[in-house]
Protein backbone atom coordinates (compact mmCIF):
# COMPACT_ATOMS: atom_id res chain seq x y z
CA UNK A 1 87.40 78.38 114.10
CA UNK A 2 88.81 76.24 111.30
CA UNK A 3 88.02 72.56 110.83
CA UNK A 4 91.56 71.70 111.96
CA UNK A 5 91.10 73.73 115.15
CA UNK A 6 87.74 72.05 115.81
CA UNK A 7 89.32 68.62 115.30
CA UNK A 8 92.02 69.31 117.90
CA UNK A 9 89.97 71.39 120.34
CA UNK A 10 86.99 69.05 120.68
CA UNK A 11 88.20 65.65 119.56
CA UNK A 12 91.89 65.81 120.44
CA UNK A 13 93.23 64.67 117.06
CA UNK A 14 95.98 66.33 115.04
CA UNK A 15 95.11 64.94 111.61
CA UNK A 16 92.06 63.87 109.65
CA UNK A 17 91.73 60.28 108.49
CA UNK A 18 91.37 59.35 104.85
CA UNK A 19 88.28 60.87 103.24
CA UNK A 20 87.21 62.96 106.23
CA UNK A 21 88.60 66.27 104.99
CA UNK A 22 86.98 65.91 101.56
CA UNK A 23 83.58 65.03 103.03
CA UNK A 24 83.72 67.90 105.52
CA UNK A 25 84.68 70.41 102.82
CA UNK A 26 81.83 69.26 100.56
CA UNK A 27 79.20 69.63 103.30
CA UNK A 28 80.59 73.01 104.40
CA UNK A 29 80.36 74.16 100.77
CA UNK A 30 76.67 73.21 100.69
CA UNK A 31 77.16 70.12 98.51
CA UNK A 32 75.45 66.76 99.06
CA UNK A 33 77.76 63.84 99.85
CA UNK A 34 77.72 60.05 100.08
CA UNK A 35 80.39 58.33 102.18
CA UNK A 36 81.05 54.59 102.36
CA UNK A 37 83.46 54.21 105.26
CA UNK A 38 84.07 51.08 107.38
CA UNK A 39 83.07 50.91 111.02
CA UNK A 40 85.66 52.74 113.11
CA UNK A 41 86.87 54.92 110.21
CA UNK A 42 85.38 58.11 111.65
CA UNK A 43 82.14 58.67 109.71
CA UNK A 44 80.63 60.67 112.56
CA UNK A 45 83.35 63.32 112.38
CA UNK A 46 82.35 64.01 108.79
CA UNK A 47 79.12 65.64 109.97
CA UNK A 48 80.08 66.58 113.53
CA UNK A 49 82.84 68.97 112.42
CA UNK A 50 80.55 70.78 109.92
CA UNK A 51 77.90 70.94 112.64
CA UNK A 52 80.31 72.93 114.83
CA UNK A 53 81.22 75.34 112.03
CA UNK A 54 77.82 75.91 110.41
CA UNK A 55 75.49 78.51 111.95
CA UNK A 56 72.36 76.47 112.69
CA UNK A 57 71.41 72.93 113.74
CA UNK A 58 72.66 69.69 112.22
CA UNK A 59 69.96 67.05 112.12
CA UNK A 60 71.27 63.46 112.29
CA UNK A 61 68.72 60.86 111.19
CA UNK A 62 69.54 57.47 112.67
CA UNK A 63 67.61 54.23 113.24
CA UNK A 64 69.68 53.41 116.30
CA UNK A 65 68.36 54.54 119.68
CA UNK A 66 71.46 53.22 121.45
CA UNK A 67 73.76 55.11 119.08
CA UNK A 68 71.92 58.36 119.75
CA UNK A 69 72.43 58.07 123.48
CA UNK A 70 76.09 57.05 123.15
CA UNK A 71 76.92 59.74 120.62
CA UNK A 72 75.21 62.49 122.61
CA UNK A 73 76.94 61.38 125.82
CA UNK A 74 80.31 61.44 124.06
CA UNK A 75 79.68 64.82 122.44
CA UNK A 76 78.69 66.41 125.73
CA UNK A 77 81.88 65.07 127.31
CA UNK A 78 83.78 67.01 124.63
CA UNK A 79 81.82 70.17 125.32
CA UNK A 80 79.57 69.95 122.24
CA UNK A 81 75.88 70.75 122.94
CA UNK A 82 73.82 67.86 121.56
CA UNK A 83 70.50 66.10 122.18
CA UNK A 84 68.42 63.22 120.92
CA UNK A 85 64.69 62.96 120.26
CA UNK A 86 63.44 59.38 120.39
CA UNK A 87 61.01 57.02 122.08
CA UNK A 88 63.11 56.73 125.26
CA UNK A 89 62.10 60.27 126.28
CA UNK A 90 58.92 60.98 128.17
CA UNK A 91 56.53 63.40 126.48
CA UNK A 92 57.58 66.13 128.91
CA UNK A 93 61.28 65.47 128.24
CA UNK A 94 60.59 65.58 124.51
CA UNK A 95 58.82 68.94 124.74
CA UNK A 96 61.63 70.35 126.91
CA UNK A 97 64.24 69.22 124.38
CA UNK A 98 62.28 70.85 121.55
CA UNK A 99 62.02 74.12 123.49
CA UNK A 100 65.79 74.12 124.08
CA UNK A 101 66.34 73.36 120.40
CA UNK A 102 64.22 76.36 119.42
CA UNK A 103 66.35 78.48 121.74
CA UNK A 104 69.46 77.40 119.81
CA UNK A 105 71.01 75.50 122.70
CA UNK A 106 72.02 72.48 120.58
CA UNK A 107 74.35 72.17 117.60
CA UNK A 108 73.48 68.53 116.85
CA UNK A 109 70.13 66.77 117.25
CA UNK A 110 69.69 63.02 116.65
CA UNK A 111 66.25 61.79 115.55
CA UNK A 112 64.75 58.51 114.37
CA UNK A 113 63.34 58.61 110.81
CA UNK A 114 59.82 57.96 112.11
CA UNK A 115 60.05 61.19 114.12
CA UNK A 116 60.14 63.24 110.89
CA UNK A 117 56.49 62.38 110.22
CA UNK A 118 55.10 63.67 113.54
CA UNK A 119 53.22 66.95 113.57
CA UNK A 120 55.12 68.43 116.50
CA UNK A 121 58.54 67.79 114.99
CA UNK A 122 57.48 69.08 111.58
CA UNK A 123 56.30 72.31 113.21
CA UNK A 124 59.69 72.68 114.88
CA UNK A 125 61.61 71.92 111.68
CA UNK A 126 59.68 74.50 109.65
CA UNK A 127 60.94 77.33 111.87
CA UNK A 128 64.38 75.99 112.90
CA UNK A 129 67.59 76.89 111.11
CA UNK A 130 68.67 73.46 109.91
CA UNK A 131 72.03 73.85 108.20
CA UNK A 132 72.79 70.18 107.52
CA UNK A 133 70.95 66.85 107.39
CA UNK A 134 73.08 63.74 107.98
CA UNK A 135 71.56 60.33 107.21
CA UNK A 136 73.33 57.60 109.16
CA UNK A 137 73.06 53.90 108.21
CA UNK A 138 71.94 55.16 104.80
CA UNK A 139 71.75 51.63 103.35
CA UNK A 140 68.45 51.27 105.26
CA UNK A 141 66.72 53.17 102.44
CA UNK A 142 67.30 50.37 99.93
CA UNK A 143 65.02 47.34 100.00
CA UNK A 144 67.96 45.49 98.44
CA UNK A 145 70.08 46.28 101.49
CA UNK A 146 70.23 44.02 104.54
CA UNK A 147 68.40 46.40 106.91
CA UNK A 148 65.62 47.95 104.81
CA UNK A 149 63.58 50.46 106.83
CA UNK A 150 60.51 51.87 105.03
CA UNK A 151 60.53 55.13 107.03
CA UNK A 152 63.83 56.07 105.34
CA UNK A 153 62.02 56.44 102.01
CA UNK A 154 60.21 59.49 103.40
CA UNK A 155 63.42 61.39 104.24
CA UNK A 156 63.68 63.21 100.85
CA UNK A 157 60.15 64.62 101.16
CA UNK A 158 60.99 65.92 104.64
CA UNK A 159 64.18 67.59 103.40
CA UNK A 160 62.34 69.24 100.50
CA UNK A 161 59.65 70.53 102.88
CA UNK A 162 62.15 72.67 104.78
CA UNK A 163 62.15 76.38 104.02
CA UNK A 164 65.64 76.13 102.56
CA UNK A 165 66.97 72.76 101.49
CA UNK A 166 70.18 72.10 103.44
CA UNK A 167 72.97 69.88 102.11
CA UNK A 168 72.42 66.17 102.78
CA UNK A 169 75.19 63.80 103.83
CA UNK A 170 74.58 60.04 103.60
CA UNK A 171 76.81 57.64 105.54
CA UNK A 172 77.10 53.88 105.79
CA UNK A 173 79.74 51.24 106.46
CA UNK A 174 78.50 48.39 104.27
CA UNK A 175 76.94 48.86 100.86
CA UNK A 176 77.53 47.00 97.63
CA UNK A 177 77.79 49.12 94.44
CA UNK A 178 74.11 48.39 93.70
CA UNK A 179 72.98 49.59 97.13
CA UNK A 180 75.16 52.71 96.80
CA UNK A 181 73.28 53.63 93.62
CA UNK A 182 69.99 53.07 95.44
CA UNK A 183 71.06 55.39 98.27
CA UNK A 184 71.94 58.26 95.93
CA UNK A 185 68.73 57.84 93.88
CA UNK A 186 66.22 57.29 96.69
CA UNK A 187 67.61 60.07 98.90
CA UNK A 188 67.47 62.38 95.85
CA UNK A 189 71.06 63.51 96.40
CA UNK A 190 72.05 66.38 94.13
CA UNK A 191 75.37 65.76 92.34
CA UNK A 192 76.86 64.36 95.55
CA UNK A 193 80.53 63.96 96.28
CA UNK A 194 80.99 60.20 96.49
CA UNK A 195 83.69 58.93 98.79
CA UNK A 196 84.59 55.29 99.37
CA UNK A 197 87.59 55.14 101.66
CA UNK A 198 87.89 51.37 101.42
CA UNK A 199 86.30 48.58 103.35
CA UNK A 200 89.46 47.15 104.84
CA UNK A 201 89.93 47.18 108.62
CA UNK A 202 93.63 46.44 108.92
CA UNK A 203 93.52 45.99 112.70
CA UNK A 204 91.04 43.11 112.51
CA UNK A 205 92.11 39.46 112.39
CA UNK A 206 89.61 37.18 110.62
CA UNK A 207 89.32 33.45 111.13
CA UNK A 208 86.77 30.70 110.40
CA UNK A 209 86.84 27.59 112.57
CA UNK A 210 84.81 24.41 112.04
CA UNK A 211 85.03 22.81 115.50
CA UNK A 212 83.47 19.49 116.44
CA UNK A 213 82.31 21.09 119.70
CA UNK A 214 81.37 24.76 119.38
CA UNK A 215 80.94 25.28 123.09
CA UNK A 216 84.42 23.98 123.88
CA UNK A 217 85.88 26.13 121.11
CA UNK A 218 84.06 29.21 122.39
CA UNK A 219 85.19 28.63 125.95
CA UNK A 220 88.79 28.32 124.77
CA UNK A 221 88.50 31.59 122.84
CA UNK A 222 87.01 33.50 125.78
CA UNK A 223 89.37 32.08 128.40
CA UNK A 224 92.29 32.84 126.11
CA UNK A 225 91.42 36.54 126.34
CA UNK A 226 91.16 37.22 130.08
CA UNK A 227 90.07 40.72 130.96
CA UNK A 228 89.17 41.49 127.35
CA UNK A 229 85.77 42.69 126.26
CA UNK A 230 83.94 40.60 123.65
CA UNK A 231 80.63 39.96 121.89
CA UNK A 232 79.31 36.47 121.04
CA UNK A 233 76.62 36.52 118.34
CA UNK A 234 74.08 33.70 118.07
CA UNK A 235 71.43 33.24 115.38
CA UNK A 236 68.49 32.41 117.69
CA UNK A 237 67.19 33.45 121.09
CA UNK A 238 67.45 29.84 122.26
CA UNK A 239 71.15 29.75 121.41
CA UNK A 240 71.68 33.02 123.27
CA UNK A 241 70.08 31.58 126.41
CA UNK A 242 72.06 28.33 126.25
CA UNK A 243 75.43 29.87 125.40
CA UNK A 244 75.14 32.60 128.04
CA UNK A 245 74.20 30.04 130.73
CA UNK A 246 77.09 27.82 129.61
CA UNK A 247 79.63 30.65 129.98
CA UNK A 248 78.21 31.82 133.31
CA UNK A 249 78.34 28.29 134.73
CA UNK A 250 82.05 28.24 133.92
CA UNK A 251 82.80 31.49 135.69
CA UNK A 252 82.70 33.84 132.73
CA UNK A 253 81.21 37.27 133.39
CA UNK A 254 78.52 37.30 130.69
CA UNK A 255 75.15 38.92 129.98
CA UNK A 256 72.45 38.10 127.41
CA UNK A 257 70.53 40.25 124.96
CA UNK A 258 67.74 39.43 122.50
CA UNK A 259 64.39 40.85 121.45
CA UNK A 260 62.43 38.34 123.56
CA UNK A 261 63.65 39.77 126.86
CA UNK A 262 61.83 42.45 128.79
CA UNK A 263 62.94 45.97 127.88
CA UNK A 264 64.36 46.52 131.38
CA UNK A 265 66.60 43.44 131.20
CA UNK A 266 67.84 44.45 127.75
CA UNK A 267 68.64 47.92 129.05
CA UNK A 268 70.41 46.51 132.11
CA UNK A 269 72.44 44.02 130.04
CA UNK A 270 73.50 46.74 127.64
CA UNK A 271 74.55 49.07 130.46
CA UNK A 272 76.44 46.28 132.24
CA UNK A 273 78.40 45.68 129.06
CA UNK A 274 79.00 49.36 128.27
CA UNK A 275 80.08 50.12 131.83
CA UNK A 276 82.40 47.06 132.00
CA UNK A 277 80.39 45.30 134.70
CA UNK A 278 80.41 42.20 132.44
CA UNK A 279 83.10 41.33 129.93
CA UNK A 280 81.09 39.23 127.45
CA UNK A 281 77.78 39.99 125.76
CA UNK A 282 75.94 36.99 124.25
CA UNK A 283 73.33 38.30 121.82
CA UNK A 284 71.36 38.02 118.63
CA UNK A 285 71.86 40.63 115.95
CA UNK A 286 69.32 42.75 117.87
CA UNK A 287 72.32 43.93 119.89
CA UNK A 288 75.10 46.19 118.79
CA UNK A 289 73.61 48.42 116.13
CA UNK A 290 75.12 51.76 116.95
CA UNK A 291 76.93 50.65 120.09
CA UNK A 292 79.89 53.00 120.20
CA UNK A 293 81.98 50.95 122.65
CA UNK A 294 85.49 51.31 121.27
CA UNK A 295 87.36 48.66 123.29
CA UNK A 296 85.65 45.45 122.11
CA UNK A 297 88.66 43.21 121.55
CA UNK A 298 86.91 40.26 119.92
CA UNK A 299 83.66 39.30 118.21
CA UNK A 300 82.78 35.62 117.95
CA UNK A 301 79.98 34.44 115.70
CA UNK A 302 78.67 31.25 117.28
CA UNK A 303 76.48 30.86 114.19
CA UNK A 304 77.00 32.05 110.64
CA UNK A 305 74.97 35.17 109.67
CA UNK A 306 72.77 35.23 106.57
CA UNK A 307 74.97 37.54 104.50
CA UNK A 308 78.40 39.12 104.34
CA UNK A 309 77.00 42.63 104.89
CA UNK A 310 75.59 41.60 108.28
CA UNK A 311 78.71 39.66 109.20
CA UNK A 312 81.10 42.50 108.39
CA UNK A 313 78.93 45.03 110.21
CA UNK A 314 78.72 42.86 113.33
CA UNK A 315 82.37 41.78 113.22
CA UNK A 316 83.32 45.43 112.74
CA UNK A 317 82.18 46.21 116.27
CA UNK A 318 85.55 44.88 117.34
CA UNK A 319 88.52 47.23 117.50
CA UNK A 320 86.77 50.53 116.82
CA UNK A 321 89.69 52.23 118.58
CA UNK A 322 92.09 50.91 115.94
CA UNK A 323 93.86 48.41 118.22
CA UNK A 324 94.35 44.78 117.12
CA UNK A 325 91.15 42.75 117.60
CA UNK A 326 89.80 39.37 116.49
CA UNK A 327 86.73 38.33 114.46
CA UNK A 328 86.17 34.58 114.63
CA UNK A 329 83.31 32.63 113.07
CA UNK A 330 82.44 29.12 114.33
CA UNK A 331 80.92 27.44 111.29
CA UNK A 332 78.87 24.28 110.82
CA UNK A 333 76.67 22.94 108.05
CA UNK A 334 73.63 23.32 110.32
CA UNK A 335 74.11 27.10 110.14
CA UNK A 336 73.36 26.98 106.43
CA UNK A 337 70.16 25.00 106.91
CA UNK A 338 68.98 27.28 109.74
CA UNK A 339 69.49 30.39 107.62
CA UNK A 340 67.77 28.83 104.61
CA UNK A 341 64.72 28.18 106.80
CA UNK A 342 64.77 31.73 108.19
CA UNK A 343 64.90 33.17 104.67
CA UNK A 344 62.16 31.01 103.17
CA UNK A 345 59.86 31.09 106.22
CA UNK A 346 60.76 34.47 107.66
CA UNK A 347 57.64 36.29 106.46
CA UNK A 348 57.74 40.12 106.84
CA UNK A 349 57.16 40.45 103.08
CA UNK A 350 53.38 40.43 103.10
CA UNK A 351 53.30 44.09 102.06
CA UNK A 352 55.21 43.31 98.85
CA UNK A 353 53.77 41.98 95.61
CA UNK A 354 54.50 38.32 94.86
CA UNK A 355 57.10 39.05 92.20
CA UNK A 356 59.11 41.44 94.39
CA UNK A 357 58.90 39.11 97.38
CA UNK A 358 60.20 36.23 95.26
CA UNK A 359 63.04 38.39 93.94
CA UNK A 360 64.04 39.42 97.46
CA UNK A 361 63.98 35.80 98.63
CA UNK A 362 66.20 34.75 95.75
CA UNK A 363 68.55 37.64 96.52
CA UNK A 364 68.76 36.56 100.17
CA UNK A 365 69.48 32.96 99.19
CA UNK A 366 72.23 34.16 96.85
CA UNK A 367 73.74 36.23 99.66
CA UNK A 368 73.58 33.19 101.91
CA UNK A 369 75.55 31.21 99.32
CA UNK A 370 78.17 33.95 99.26
CA UNK A 371 78.36 33.94 103.05
CA UNK A 372 78.72 30.15 103.02
CA UNK A 373 81.47 30.43 100.41
CA UNK A 374 83.35 32.76 102.79
CA UNK A 375 83.17 30.14 105.53
CA UNK A 376 84.40 27.39 103.26
CA UNK A 377 87.02 29.20 101.21
CA UNK A 378 90.66 28.22 101.58
CA UNK A 379 91.82 31.55 100.20
CA UNK A 380 92.50 34.83 102.02
CA UNK A 381 89.46 35.79 104.10
CA UNK A 382 90.16 39.50 103.89
CA UNK A 383 90.38 39.31 100.10
CA UNK A 384 87.07 37.42 99.98
CA UNK A 385 85.29 40.19 101.96
CA UNK A 386 86.83 43.05 100.01
CA UNK A 387 86.05 41.44 96.64
CA UNK A 388 82.43 41.10 97.73
CA UNK A 389 82.21 44.86 98.22
CA UNK A 390 83.82 45.50 94.84
CA UNK A 391 87.29 46.31 96.12
CA UNK A 392 90.54 44.87 94.80
CA UNK A 393 92.80 43.10 97.28
CA UNK A 394 96.01 41.05 97.14
CA UNK A 395 95.85 37.25 97.17
CA UNK A 396 97.27 37.15 100.70
CA UNK A 397 96.97 39.51 103.66
CA UNK A 398 99.17 37.27 105.85
CA UNK A 399 97.18 38.15 108.96
CA UNK A 400 93.94 36.16 108.58
CA UNK A 401 93.38 32.58 109.69
CA UNK A 402 93.68 31.20 106.17
CA UNK A 403 96.90 33.06 105.37
CA UNK A 404 98.64 32.05 108.59
CA UNK A 405 99.92 28.75 107.28
CA UNK A 406 96.75 26.82 108.08
CA UNK A 407 96.68 25.50 104.52
CA UNK A 408 99.14 23.94 102.13
CA UNK A 409 98.90 23.49 98.35
CA UNK A 410 97.87 20.04 97.09
CA UNK A 411 97.67 18.66 93.54
CA UNK A 412 94.00 17.92 92.75
CA UNK A 413 94.27 17.51 88.97
CA UNK A 414 93.00 13.92 88.99
CA UNK A 415 90.08 14.70 91.30
CA UNK A 416 89.15 17.85 89.33
CA UNK A 417 89.03 15.93 86.05
CA UNK A 418 86.81 13.25 87.62
CA UNK A 419 84.42 15.85 89.06
CA UNK A 420 84.11 17.79 85.79
CA UNK A 421 83.52 14.51 83.92
CA UNK A 422 80.78 13.53 86.39
CA UNK A 423 79.04 16.91 86.02
CA UNK A 424 79.27 16.73 82.24
CA UNK A 425 78.02 13.15 81.90
CA UNK A 426 75.09 13.66 84.28
CA UNK A 427 73.94 16.78 82.45
CA UNK A 428 74.41 19.30 85.26
CA UNK A 429 71.20 18.20 86.99
CA UNK A 430 72.48 17.39 90.48
CA UNK A 431 73.63 19.18 93.61
CA UNK A 432 76.93 18.98 95.47
CA UNK A 433 75.87 16.16 97.82
CA UNK A 434 74.61 13.76 95.12
CA UNK A 435 77.75 14.34 93.06
CA UNK A 436 79.98 13.61 96.06
CA UNK A 437 78.02 10.45 96.90
CA UNK A 438 78.29 9.27 93.29
CA UNK A 439 82.02 9.91 92.97
CA UNK A 440 82.69 8.18 96.30
CA UNK A 441 80.63 5.15 95.32
CA UNK A 442 78.16 5.57 98.16
CA UNK A 443 75.03 3.45 98.49
CA UNK A 444 72.56 6.12 99.55
CA UNK A 445 68.88 6.71 98.89
CA UNK A 446 69.78 9.56 96.53
CA UNK A 447 72.16 7.40 94.51
CA UNK A 448 69.54 4.68 94.18
CA UNK A 449 66.72 7.10 93.38
CA UNK A 450 68.58 8.67 90.46
CA UNK A 451 70.40 5.44 89.42
CA UNK A 452 73.74 7.18 89.85
CA UNK A 453 75.43 3.81 90.43
CA UNK A 454 75.03 3.20 86.69
CA UNK A 455 77.19 6.21 85.80
CA UNK A 456 80.73 5.61 84.57
CA UNK A 457 82.04 8.03 87.20
CA UNK A 458 80.42 6.11 90.07
CA UNK A 459 83.14 5.34 92.63
CA UNK A 460 85.85 7.13 90.65
CA UNK A 461 87.02 8.93 93.82
CA UNK A 462 86.23 6.21 96.36
CA UNK A 463 89.66 6.79 97.95
CA UNK A 464 88.39 10.17 99.22
CA UNK A 465 85.75 10.98 101.82
CA UNK A 466 82.54 12.65 100.70
CA UNK A 467 83.59 15.72 102.70
CA UNK A 468 86.86 15.93 100.75
CA UNK A 469 85.01 15.63 97.43
CA UNK A 470 82.51 18.33 98.46
CA UNK A 471 85.41 20.61 99.33
CA UNK A 472 86.93 20.05 95.89
CA UNK A 473 83.62 20.73 94.16
CA UNK A 474 83.24 23.99 96.06
CA UNK A 475 86.80 24.96 95.18
CA UNK A 476 86.06 24.36 91.48
CA UNK A 477 82.97 26.57 91.85
CA UNK A 478 85.10 29.28 93.44
CA UNK A 479 87.53 28.97 90.52
CA UNK A 480 84.64 29.33 88.03
CA UNK A 481 85.39 25.89 86.58
CA UNK A 482 82.00 24.81 87.87
CA UNK A 483 78.92 26.95 88.50
CA UNK A 484 76.12 26.70 91.04
CA UNK A 485 72.60 27.55 89.90
CA UNK A 486 70.27 29.87 91.80
CA UNK A 487 67.10 28.83 93.58
CA UNK A 488 66.37 26.86 96.75
CA UNK A 489 67.76 23.62 95.23
CA UNK A 490 70.95 24.67 93.39
CA UNK A 491 72.57 22.25 90.96
CA UNK A 492 76.15 22.12 89.72
CA UNK A 493 76.96 22.83 86.07
CA UNK A 494 80.02 23.80 84.08
CA UNK A 495 81.42 27.28 84.64
CA UNK A 496 82.85 29.74 82.15
CA UNK A 497 86.39 28.61 83.00
CA UNK A 498 85.82 24.91 82.37
CA UNK A 499 87.23 24.97 78.83
CA UNK A 500 90.21 27.24 79.43
CA UNK A 501 91.79 25.76 82.56
CA UNK A 502 94.41 23.04 82.54
CA UNK A 503 92.96 20.75 85.20
CA UNK A 504 96.08 18.59 85.35
CA UNK A 505 98.02 21.47 86.88
CA UNK A 506 95.30 22.53 89.33
CA UNK A 507 96.34 22.94 92.94
CA UNK A 508 94.09 23.62 95.93
CA UNK A 509 94.81 24.79 99.48
CA UNK A 510 94.10 21.91 101.89
CA UNK A 511 94.01 22.00 105.66
CA UNK A 512 97.25 21.13 107.39
CA UNK A 513 97.34 18.64 110.20
CA UNK A 514 96.74 20.26 113.60
CA UNK A 515 100.40 19.78 114.49
CA UNK A 516 101.47 21.88 111.51
CA UNK A 517 99.00 24.68 112.01
CA UNK A 518 99.73 28.08 113.48
CA UNK A 519 97.42 30.38 115.33
CA UNK A 520 97.41 34.12 115.06
CA UNK A 521 99.77 35.76 117.46
CA UNK A 522 98.02 37.62 120.25
CA UNK A 523 97.89 41.40 119.80
CA UNK A 524 101.02 43.07 121.08
CA UNK A 525 100.58 43.94 124.74
CA UNK A 526 102.34 46.56 126.81
CA UNK A 527 105.09 45.18 129.00
CA UNK A 528 106.80 46.05 132.25
CA UNK A 529 106.13 49.41 133.84
CA UNK A 530 104.06 50.62 130.87
CA UNK A 531 101.64 47.72 131.39
CA UNK A 532 101.45 48.46 135.11
CA UNK A 533 100.77 52.16 134.53
CA UNK A 534 98.17 51.29 131.88
CA UNK A 535 96.37 49.17 134.47
CA UNK A 536 96.38 52.00 136.98
CA UNK A 537 95.09 54.46 134.38
CA UNK A 538 92.27 52.04 133.53
CA UNK A 539 91.32 51.87 137.21
CA UNK A 540 91.31 55.68 137.41
CA UNK A 541 89.22 55.84 134.26
CA UNK A 542 86.71 53.36 135.69
CA UNK A 543 86.43 55.37 138.91
CA UNK A 544 86.06 58.63 136.97
CA UNK A 545 83.42 57.12 134.70
CA UNK A 546 81.37 55.92 137.67
CA UNK A 547 81.45 59.39 139.19
CA UNK A 548 80.43 60.95 135.86
CA UNK A 549 77.78 58.31 135.18
CA UNK A 550 79.18 57.51 131.72
CA UNK A 551 80.80 54.44 130.11
CA UNK A 552 84.55 54.22 130.65
CA UNK A 553 85.46 54.56 126.96
CA UNK A 554 83.65 57.94 126.86
CA UNK A 555 86.26 59.34 129.28
CA UNK A 556 89.25 58.08 127.27
CA UNK A 557 89.70 55.17 124.89
CA UNK A 558 92.13 52.32 125.53
CA UNK A 559 94.23 53.73 122.70
CA UNK A 560 94.58 57.06 124.53
CA UNK A 561 95.44 55.33 127.82
CA UNK A 562 98.10 53.23 126.08
CA UNK A 563 99.69 56.36 124.67
CA UNK A 564 99.59 58.00 128.11
CA UNK A 565 101.25 54.92 129.64
CA UNK A 566 104.04 54.99 127.05
CA UNK A 567 104.69 58.76 126.69
CA UNK A 568 103.95 59.69 130.35
CA UNK A 569 103.27 63.43 129.94
CA UNK A 570 104.30 65.59 132.88
CA UNK A 571 102.61 68.89 132.06
CA UNK A 572 99.17 69.91 130.85
CA UNK A 573 100.69 71.07 127.56
CA UNK A 574 102.19 67.60 127.02
CA UNK A 575 98.92 65.97 128.08
CA UNK A 576 97.03 67.88 125.38
CA UNK A 577 99.29 66.47 122.66
CA UNK A 578 98.09 62.90 123.30
CA UNK A 579 95.70 61.59 120.63
CA UNK A 580 92.09 61.68 121.83
CA UNK A 581 92.61 64.43 124.44
CA UNK A 582 90.65 67.55 123.51
CA UNK A 583 90.54 70.86 125.36
CA UNK A 584 87.40 70.06 127.35
CA UNK A 585 88.61 66.61 128.42
CA UNK A 586 92.03 68.00 129.28
CA UNK A 587 90.39 70.57 131.53
CA UNK A 588 88.02 68.02 133.03
CA UNK A 589 90.36 65.06 133.57
CA UNK A 590 93.91 66.23 132.98
CA UNK A 591 94.80 67.06 136.57
CA UNK A 592 93.76 63.65 137.93
CA UNK A 593 95.46 61.64 135.19
CA UNK A 594 98.66 63.69 135.37
CA UNK A 595 98.72 63.13 139.12
CA UNK A 596 98.37 59.37 138.58
CA UNK A 597 101.27 59.40 136.10
CA UNK A 598 103.45 61.59 138.33
CA UNK A 599 102.70 59.44 141.37
CA UNK A 600 103.61 56.31 139.44
CA UNK A 601 106.86 57.87 138.24
CA UNK A 602 107.82 58.78 141.79
CA UNK A 603 106.84 55.41 143.29
């Protein structure tokens, strides 16, 4: 069987996505590989196809128990023998799975990194024919990444201990250039093929809102998407409890998930969400890692995350099927203060020496500043994210909240000159708030303490609000005209561009009045008979999933159902041509779905 035949037979796709073919060829040729591919870009196929074509077992090392279960369920639905070995199995189940693995009954086995250190698993690995090792969420090996996991550091020693070292594939969705170098070095990859397919998710709409009332804004967002599946992320367990109760009291089908709940409730909440028994999951970042639910249509961040890596990973759980989906962040200044406290008082660094712990704290504070800059920028949100990951992007994407005419250009030459003068004359010793208070002529404790009312720039911008002045200062920082120092109490100084820029011609995007603003158009929906048939196919899918005991998206994705509703195949041969319909699924479900389509046509 060729890789193209495996792609069509098992997964139901006619073509590989960008980067998949190259990664698959490298691993089949016995070469190590490192892939940076965004969520939903098909990383899993890069090791699942080689697993089908190589003679022995492919070992997938993953930190995500939920992903293991979802992936194995999906693979079995396609007719691919797979298993997972993790803490959810009883000891007897674990031993049975190992026995079956020794008998060669699995092509793919998922394990947690901690499992590699156990005596029983090592004994199995020494005698098994392991043809490929795939390391998922590979950024976890770097202590400079956002999800450092010490057990990942021991993966290279395990690989070297095998009788014959198999090729190693490392995969992650979010890694800065520095973390990518860490992955290759710490995993001891040998001349790996490096593939970065791009971080852009073109089907995702990004928006930052700064509402006066977050609850009202959230309710409007959820009610504006009836019948759609969404995740609402909160920064604390308390917020999860309050927001979930708020939505439930207003008739929204919602569940909660955070680490403080009993394991049984967390399991039940997750299953209710996966099996479409609730439409909204309210959760901390403890939820979602590895959740393979493809039809999440929106992700709302009720609070700002600590860094862009975490935000993009969590937001990327929307639209994994490639259909238009929304990622909306509800921002407030309190989010910044909460995250600063979590970083400086979070602990969990006791095992590190003082110097390293201090360096990591400073790194986290710097990432928080970059996340805050994303929330406050008036420029293209997509460009801001892509630049962070080292990728070039145009000035406008024309599909994010900032590009959709929410801002208009305003001349700020006078204000910019006054701000730069204030920074220069006060020696670059003060933060954004003190500068804004000084320029606005405020009579605050800070102004009095530092005698800022004696400065020549005191009250120079008294026609503006302090908020407006702060926005202009942050814009000048973004433009590199000003610079913000590091540390817990950053001060504003002159940037590298202060001398070269003509401030008199400086223009800044400012928020339009509400009447002049536009909202993103809702994703294109099916209409007429296609919409009606799509609804009937979803009902059939739900019924089929209940009978199979699997989540609905494991049967067919929304994208596949939409194509069925539009093309309306009449024969099994036509049914097999639909994207996402492999041979096993066609044999298992084709007759029922064709009958539904034929019955609808004849109605």
